[in-house]
Amino acid sequence: MEKRVLVGVVFILLLWIPPLTQAQGDPNGFNGIPWGSYLGQTTGFISLKEFRDYRVCLRDGEVYRIESAEVEEIRYEFYKNKFYSVTVRFSGNQNFRLLLEGLLRRFGAAEGRTKYWEEYEWSTRDLSVLLRYADAEKRGSLEYQYKPIFDQMTRDENCCTP
């Protein structure tokens, strides 16, 4: 009897507490930050670069881990102070494989290409995800882009560029 109760409690906890990797792959946001949210809505950002309507930030106290992979940096990008993109940098084949496995589980089969980089791309209605890895350099990147804001950026740039 006690064993069944314990199993039931563990099952409920697993359903109730979403894993960190799920938050990172959430099509509605990244690491608990909703896509399209304003920069001022979330605290702890450190601005690295600002140019016209663009801002690139790091998060203070960020844990550099996605899936089980160790990553070197996670950059958050804002357009007109709205969150639209994440760029993750990592090193090593093992970290690449861990990221790839997690993305395949979350988003399914990917469009894969090989040229200089091993490259995988996923696309949902509102999100583009691109994983790249150069085996010769043992370095790669993982990029998330929120399409509604990216499309707005493209329209703004095309409308006003001479």
Protein backbone atom coordinates (compact mmCIF):
# COMPACT_ATOMS: atom_id res chain seq x y z
CA MET A 1 0.00 0.00 0.00
CA GLU A 2 2.74 2.50 0.99
CA LYS A 3 4.65 1.77 -2.21
CA ARG A 4 1.60 2.64 -4.36
CA VAL A 5 1.08 5.90 -2.47
CA LEU A 6 4.77 6.81 -2.90
CA VAL A 7 4.65 6.03 -6.64
CA GLY A 8 1.49 8.15 -6.95
CA VAL A 9 3.10 11.10 -5.15
CA VAL A 10 6.23 10.91 -7.32
CA PHE A 11 4.08 10.75 -10.47
CA ILE A 12 2.08 13.83 -9.41
CA LEU A 13 5.29 15.73 -8.62
CA LEU A 14 6.75 14.88 -12.01
CA LEU A 15 3.64 16.24 -13.71
CA TRP A 16 3.47 19.30 -11.49
CA ILE A 17 7.14 20.43 -11.61
CA PRO A 18 8.23 21.13 -15.21
CA PRO A 19 11.87 20.34 -15.88
CA LEU A 20 14.28 23.19 -16.68
CA THR A 21 14.85 21.86 -20.19
CA GLN A 22 11.15 22.16 -20.91
CA ALA A 23 11.24 25.87 -20.03
CA GLN A 24 14.20 26.38 -22.36
CA GLY A 25 12.43 24.76 -25.27
CA ASP A 26 9.05 26.30 -24.60
CA PRO A 27 7.71 27.76 -27.86
CA ASN A 28 6.26 30.60 -25.76
CA GLY A 29 9.59 31.67 -24.25
CA PHE A 30 13.10 30.78 -23.11
CA ASN A 31 14.22 30.19 -19.52
CA GLY A 32 10.95 31.53 -18.19
CA ILE A 33 10.99 34.72 -20.27
CA PRO A 34 8.04 34.97 -22.67
CA TRP A 35 8.84 35.85 -26.28
CA GLY A 36 7.88 39.44 -27.01
CA SER A 37 8.07 40.52 -23.37
CA TYR A 38 9.56 43.93 -22.64
CA LEU A 39 13.09 44.23 -21.32
CA GLY A 40 11.90 46.00 -18.17
CA GLN A 41 9.52 43.15 -17.26
CA THR A 42 12.39 40.84 -16.31
CA THR A 43 15.22 41.87 -14.03
CA GLY A 44 18.83 40.76 -13.98
CA PHE A 45 19.86 41.67 -17.51
CA ILE A 46 23.29 43.15 -18.17
CA SER A 47 23.49 45.10 -21.43
CA LEU A 48 26.47 44.12 -23.62
CA LYS A 49 25.69 46.01 -26.80
CA GLU A 50 23.19 48.60 -27.92
CA PHE A 51 22.69 49.83 -31.46
CA ARG A 52 19.65 51.84 -32.55
CA ASP A 53 16.67 49.62 -31.69
CA TYR A 54 18.74 46.53 -30.83
CA ARG A 55 20.08 45.43 -27.46
CA VAL A 56 22.10 42.33 -26.58
CA CYS A 57 22.17 41.24 -22.93
CA LEU A 58 23.40 38.57 -20.55
CA ARG A 59 21.50 37.54 -17.43
CA ASP A 60 23.14 38.03 -14.08
CA GLY A 61 23.65 34.70 -12.31
CA GLU A 62 22.74 32.62 -15.39
CA VAL A 63 23.34 28.87 -15.14
CA TYR A 64 25.15 27.92 -18.33
CA ARG A 65 23.48 24.57 -18.88
CA ILE A 66 20.86 23.50 -21.40
CA GLU A 67 19.62 19.94 -21.47
CA SER A 68 22.64 18.24 -19.90
CA ALA A 69 25.05 20.25 -22.01
CA GLU A 70 27.44 22.81 -20.61
CA VAL A 71 27.34 26.03 -22.61
CA GLU A 72 29.70 29.00 -22.56
CA GLU A 73 27.27 31.86 -22.99
CA ILE A 74 23.59 32.66 -23.44
CA ARG A 75 22.83 36.03 -25.07
CA TYR A 76 19.35 37.51 -25.05
CA GLU A 77 18.44 39.91 -27.84
CA PHE A 78 15.80 42.62 -27.87
CA TYR A 79 14.34 44.72 -30.66
CA LYS A 80 12.61 47.91 -29.54
CA ASN A 81 12.99 46.46 -26.02
CA LYS A 82 10.99 43.32 -26.94
CA PHE A 83 12.56 39.89 -26.41
CA TYR A 84 12.96 38.12 -29.76
CA SER A 85 16.15 36.05 -29.91
CA VAL A 86 18.60 33.88 -27.94
CA THR A 87 22.08 32.85 -29.02
CA VAL A 88 23.87 30.09 -27.12
CA ARG A 89 27.57 29.35 -27.64
CA PHE A 90 29.12 26.00 -26.74
CA SER A 91 32.20 23.84 -27.30
CA GLY A 92 32.74 20.15 -27.80
CA ASN A 93 31.10 17.30 -29.65
CA GLN A 94 29.52 15.86 -26.49
CA ASN A 95 27.70 19.13 -25.74
CA PHE A 96 26.58 19.33 -29.37
CA ARG A 97 25.15 15.80 -29.24
CA LEU A 98 23.32 16.49 -25.95
CA LEU A 99 21.75 19.65 -27.40
CA LEU A 100 20.82 17.86 -30.63
CA GLU A 101 19.17 14.96 -28.77
CA GLY A 102 17.15 17.35 -26.62
CA LEU A 103 16.00 19.40 -29.60
CA LEU A 104 15.05 16.27 -31.56
CA ARG A 105 12.96 15.09 -28.59
CA ARG A 106 11.27 18.46 -28.23
CA PHE A 107 10.76 19.53 -31.86
CA GLY A 108 10.96 16.24 -33.77
CA ALA A 109 12.85 15.61 -36.99
CA ALA A 110 14.97 18.48 -38.27
CA GLU A 111 15.98 19.73 -41.64
CA GLY A 112 19.70 18.86 -41.62
CA ARG A 113 22.45 20.27 -43.79
CA THR A 114 26.17 19.73 -43.92
CA LYS A 115 28.65 22.04 -45.55
CA TYR A 116 31.27 23.60 -43.31
CA TRP A 117 28.97 23.22 -40.32
CA GLU A 118 26.73 20.40 -39.23
CA GLU A 119 23.43 22.23 -39.15
CA TYR A 120 19.89 21.41 -38.00
CA GLU A 121 16.85 23.64 -38.29
CA TRP A 122 13.36 23.48 -36.77
CA SER A 123 10.48 25.80 -37.45
CA THR A 124 7.14 26.21 -35.72
CA ARG A 125 4.50 28.81 -36.41
CA ASP A 126 6.23 31.41 -34.22
CA LEU A 127 9.72 30.07 -33.58
CA SER A 128 12.84 29.25 -35.61
CA VAL A 129 15.58 27.14 -34.02
CA LEU A 130 19.00 26.63 -35.60
CA LEU A 131 21.74 24.38 -34.20
CA ARG A 132 25.20 24.59 -35.81
CA TYR A 133 28.43 22.79 -35.06
CA ALA A 134 31.87 22.88 -36.72
CA ASP A 135 33.66 19.65 -35.85
CA ALA A 136 37.04 20.98 -37.02
CA GLU A 137 36.81 23.86 -34.53
CA LYS A 138 34.82 21.92 -31.89
CA ARG A 139 32.53 24.97 -31.52
CA GLY A 140 28.87 25.63 -32.16
CA SER A 141 25.84 27.78 -31.58
CA LEU A 142 22.15 27.36 -30.88
CA GLU A 143 19.83 30.15 -31.96
CA TYR A 144 16.17 30.77 -31.22
CA GLN A 145 14.26 33.52 -33.05
CA TYR A 146 10.73 34.61 -32.35
CA LYS A 147 9.25 35.09 -35.83
CA PRO A 148 6.63 37.80 -35.18
CA ILE A 149 9.27 40.27 -33.94
CA PHE A 150 11.89 39.13 -36.45
CA ASP A 151 9.37 39.71 -39.25
CA GLN A 152 8.63 43.17 -37.81
CA MET A 153 12.36 43.96 -37.80
CA THR A 154 12.63 42.91 -41.43
CA ARG A 155 9.65 45.09 -42.39
CA ASP A 156 11.06 48.07 -40.47
CA GLU A 157 14.49 47.69 -42.09
CA ASN A 158 13.08 47.26 -45.61
CA CYS A 159 10.70 50.18 -45.29
CA CYS A 160 13.28 52.72 -44.20
CA THR A 161 16.54 51.61 -45.80
CA PRO A 162 17.67 53.88 -48.67
